[in-house]
N, C-alpha and C. Protein backbone atom coordinates (compact mmCIF):
# COMPACT_ATOMS: atom_id res chain seq x y z
N MET A 1 19.36 -8.00 34.02
CA MET A 1 18.17 -8.14 33.15
C MET A 1 17.51 -6.75 32.97
N THR A 2 17.15 -6.45 31.73
CA THR A 2 16.50 -5.16 31.47
C THR A 2 15.02 -5.34 31.51
N SER A 3 14.38 -4.30 32.00
CA SER A 3 12.91 -4.32 32.01
C SER A 3 12.37 -3.57 30.83
N LEU A 4 11.25 -4.04 30.34
CA LEU A 4 10.61 -3.42 29.20
C LEU A 4 9.80 -2.20 29.65
N THR A 5 9.95 -1.14 28.93
CA THR A 5 9.17 0.02 29.23
C THR A 5 7.82 -0.08 28.52
N GLN A 6 6.89 0.78 28.82
CA GLN A 6 5.57 0.76 28.18
C GLN A 6 5.74 0.99 26.67
N MET A 7 6.68 1.85 26.27
CA MET A 7 6.90 2.13 24.86
C MET A 7 7.44 0.91 24.16
N ASP A 8 8.32 0.13 24.78
CA ASP A 8 8.84 -1.07 24.20
C ASP A 8 7.75 -2.10 23.95
N ILE A 9 6.82 -2.22 24.92
CA ILE A 9 5.71 -3.13 24.80
C ILE A 9 4.77 -2.74 23.64
N GLN A 10 4.53 -1.43 23.57
CA GLN A 10 3.68 -0.93 22.47
C GLN A 10 4.27 -1.20 21.10
N ASN A 11 5.60 -0.97 21.00
CA ASN A 11 6.27 -1.17 19.72
C ASN A 11 6.32 -2.65 19.38
N GLU A 12 6.44 -3.49 20.40
CA GLU A 12 6.51 -4.90 20.18
C GLU A 12 5.18 -5.47 19.63
N ASN A 13 4.06 -4.89 20.09
CA ASN A 13 2.75 -5.35 19.68
C ASN A 13 2.26 -4.71 18.42
N ARG A 14 2.93 -3.68 18.00
CA ARG A 14 2.52 -2.90 16.79
C ARG A 14 2.86 -3.66 15.52
N PRO A 15 1.95 -3.79 14.59
CA PRO A 15 2.22 -4.50 13.33
C PRO A 15 3.28 -3.74 12.50
N ARG A 16 4.14 -4.48 11.88
CA ARG A 16 5.16 -3.84 11.02
C ARG A 16 4.61 -3.63 9.65
N ALA A 17 5.13 -2.56 9.01
CA ALA A 17 4.69 -2.23 7.63
C ALA A 17 5.16 -3.31 6.67
N VAL A 18 4.34 -3.62 5.73
CA VAL A 18 4.66 -4.64 4.74
C VAL A 18 5.27 -3.97 3.47
N PHE A 19 4.69 -2.82 3.09
CA PHE A 19 5.14 -2.09 1.94
C PHE A 19 5.72 -0.75 2.30
N SER A 20 6.74 -0.32 1.58
CA SER A 20 7.30 1.03 1.78
C SER A 20 6.52 2.00 0.87
N THR A 21 6.78 3.28 1.03
CA THR A 21 6.15 4.30 0.19
C THR A 21 6.54 4.06 -1.28
N ALA A 22 7.82 3.73 -1.50
CA ALA A 22 8.23 3.45 -2.86
C ALA A 22 7.51 2.28 -3.49
N ASP A 23 7.19 1.23 -2.67
CA ASP A 23 6.46 0.11 -3.14
C ASP A 23 5.06 0.50 -3.65
N PHE A 24 4.40 1.45 -2.95
CA PHE A 24 3.07 1.90 -3.36
C PHE A 24 3.15 2.53 -4.76
N ALA A 25 4.19 3.33 -4.97
CA ALA A 25 4.39 3.97 -6.29
C ALA A 25 4.58 2.92 -7.40
N LEU A 26 5.32 1.91 -7.11
CA LEU A 26 5.60 0.85 -8.08
C LEU A 26 4.31 0.05 -8.40
N ILE A 27 3.57 -0.27 -7.35
CA ILE A 27 2.33 -1.00 -7.49
C ILE A 27 1.33 -0.16 -8.31
N ARG A 28 1.29 1.14 -8.02
CA ARG A 28 0.39 2.02 -8.73
C ARG A 28 0.76 2.08 -10.22
N ASP A 29 2.03 2.15 -10.54
CA ASP A 29 2.50 2.16 -11.92
C ASP A 29 2.11 0.85 -12.65
N ALA A 30 2.27 -0.28 -11.99
CA ALA A 30 1.87 -1.57 -12.54
C ALA A 30 0.37 -1.62 -12.77
N LEU A 31 -0.37 -1.10 -11.83
CA LEU A 31 -1.82 -1.08 -11.99
C LEU A 31 -2.26 -0.13 -13.12
N ALA A 32 -1.58 0.94 -13.30
CA ALA A 32 -1.88 1.87 -14.38
C ALA A 32 -1.64 1.15 -15.73
N CYS A 33 -0.57 0.39 -15.84
CA CYS A 33 -0.31 -0.36 -17.03
C CYS A 33 -1.40 -1.38 -17.28
N TYR A 34 -1.83 -2.10 -16.24
CA TYR A 34 -2.92 -3.04 -16.37
C TYR A 34 -4.22 -2.36 -16.86
N LEU A 35 -4.50 -1.21 -16.27
CA LEU A 35 -5.74 -0.56 -16.63
C LEU A 35 -5.70 -0.05 -18.06
N LYS A 36 -4.52 0.35 -18.51
CA LYS A 36 -4.35 0.88 -19.88
C LYS A 36 -4.46 -0.26 -20.91
N HIS A 37 -3.93 -1.45 -20.57
CA HIS A 37 -3.86 -2.54 -21.55
C HIS A 37 -4.81 -3.69 -21.21
N GLY A 38 -5.49 -3.60 -20.09
CA GLY A 38 -6.41 -4.68 -19.67
C GLY A 38 -7.76 -4.55 -20.30
N ASP A 39 -8.69 -5.36 -19.80
CA ASP A 39 -10.03 -5.36 -20.38
C ASP A 39 -10.83 -4.12 -19.89
N GLU A 40 -11.86 -3.79 -20.60
CA GLU A 40 -12.67 -2.62 -20.30
C GLU A 40 -13.31 -2.63 -18.93
N GLY A 41 -13.71 -3.82 -18.46
CA GLY A 41 -14.40 -3.92 -17.16
C GLY A 41 -13.56 -3.50 -15.99
N ALA A 42 -12.27 -3.70 -16.15
CA ALA A 42 -11.35 -3.32 -15.01
C ALA A 42 -11.28 -1.86 -14.87
N ARG A 43 -11.45 -1.10 -15.94
CA ARG A 43 -11.31 0.34 -15.84
C ARG A 43 -12.44 1.00 -14.99
N ASP A 44 -13.57 0.35 -14.97
CA ASP A 44 -14.73 0.94 -14.27
C ASP A 44 -14.87 0.36 -12.81
N GLY A 45 -14.10 -0.62 -12.48
CA GLY A 45 -14.32 -1.33 -11.26
C GLY A 45 -13.33 -1.09 -10.17
N ARG A 46 -13.13 -2.09 -9.41
CA ARG A 46 -12.26 -2.00 -8.23
C ARG A 46 -10.84 -1.65 -8.53
N ALA A 47 -10.32 -2.07 -9.67
CA ALA A 47 -8.91 -1.77 -10.03
C ALA A 47 -8.72 -0.22 -10.15
N SER A 48 -9.65 0.39 -10.78
CA SER A 48 -9.59 1.86 -10.93
C SER A 48 -9.60 2.58 -9.57
N HIS A 49 -10.45 2.12 -8.70
CA HIS A 49 -10.56 2.71 -7.36
C HIS A 49 -9.27 2.50 -6.56
N LEU A 50 -8.71 1.30 -6.69
CA LEU A 50 -7.45 0.97 -6.03
C LEU A 50 -6.32 1.88 -6.54
N TYR A 51 -6.30 2.10 -7.82
CA TYR A 51 -5.28 2.96 -8.48
C TYR A 51 -5.35 4.35 -7.83
N HIS A 52 -6.50 4.90 -7.64
CA HIS A 52 -6.63 6.26 -7.11
C HIS A 52 -6.27 6.26 -5.59
N ARG A 53 -6.64 5.21 -4.87
CA ARG A 53 -6.26 5.16 -3.45
C ARG A 53 -4.78 5.04 -3.29
N LEU A 54 -4.14 4.29 -4.18
CA LEU A 54 -2.66 4.16 -4.08
C LEU A 54 -1.99 5.45 -4.43
N GLY A 55 -2.62 6.24 -5.27
CA GLY A 55 -2.06 7.55 -5.64
C GLY A 55 -1.96 8.49 -4.45
N ARG A 56 -2.96 8.41 -3.58
CA ARG A 56 -2.92 9.24 -2.37
C ARG A 56 -1.76 8.80 -1.43
N LEU A 57 -1.50 7.49 -1.40
CA LEU A 57 -0.43 6.97 -0.52
C LEU A 57 0.94 7.22 -1.11
N ALA A 58 1.07 7.19 -2.40
CA ALA A 58 2.38 7.26 -3.04
C ALA A 58 2.93 8.75 -3.13
N ASP A 59 2.01 9.67 -3.06
CA ASP A 59 2.43 11.09 -3.18
C ASP A 59 2.99 11.62 -1.92
């Protein structure tokens, strides 16, 4: 029987990533298309802020 090390326990309890870096770039591109063709209210609101936050992650 193998014993778990402290590092194994930490990795086991650590949440796994849901999105890859490439996913953030794709989501950002889709959001840019929405902002370009969507309604005017979206450009000033949360969607615009999310677009810029995703830009920092995708670069």
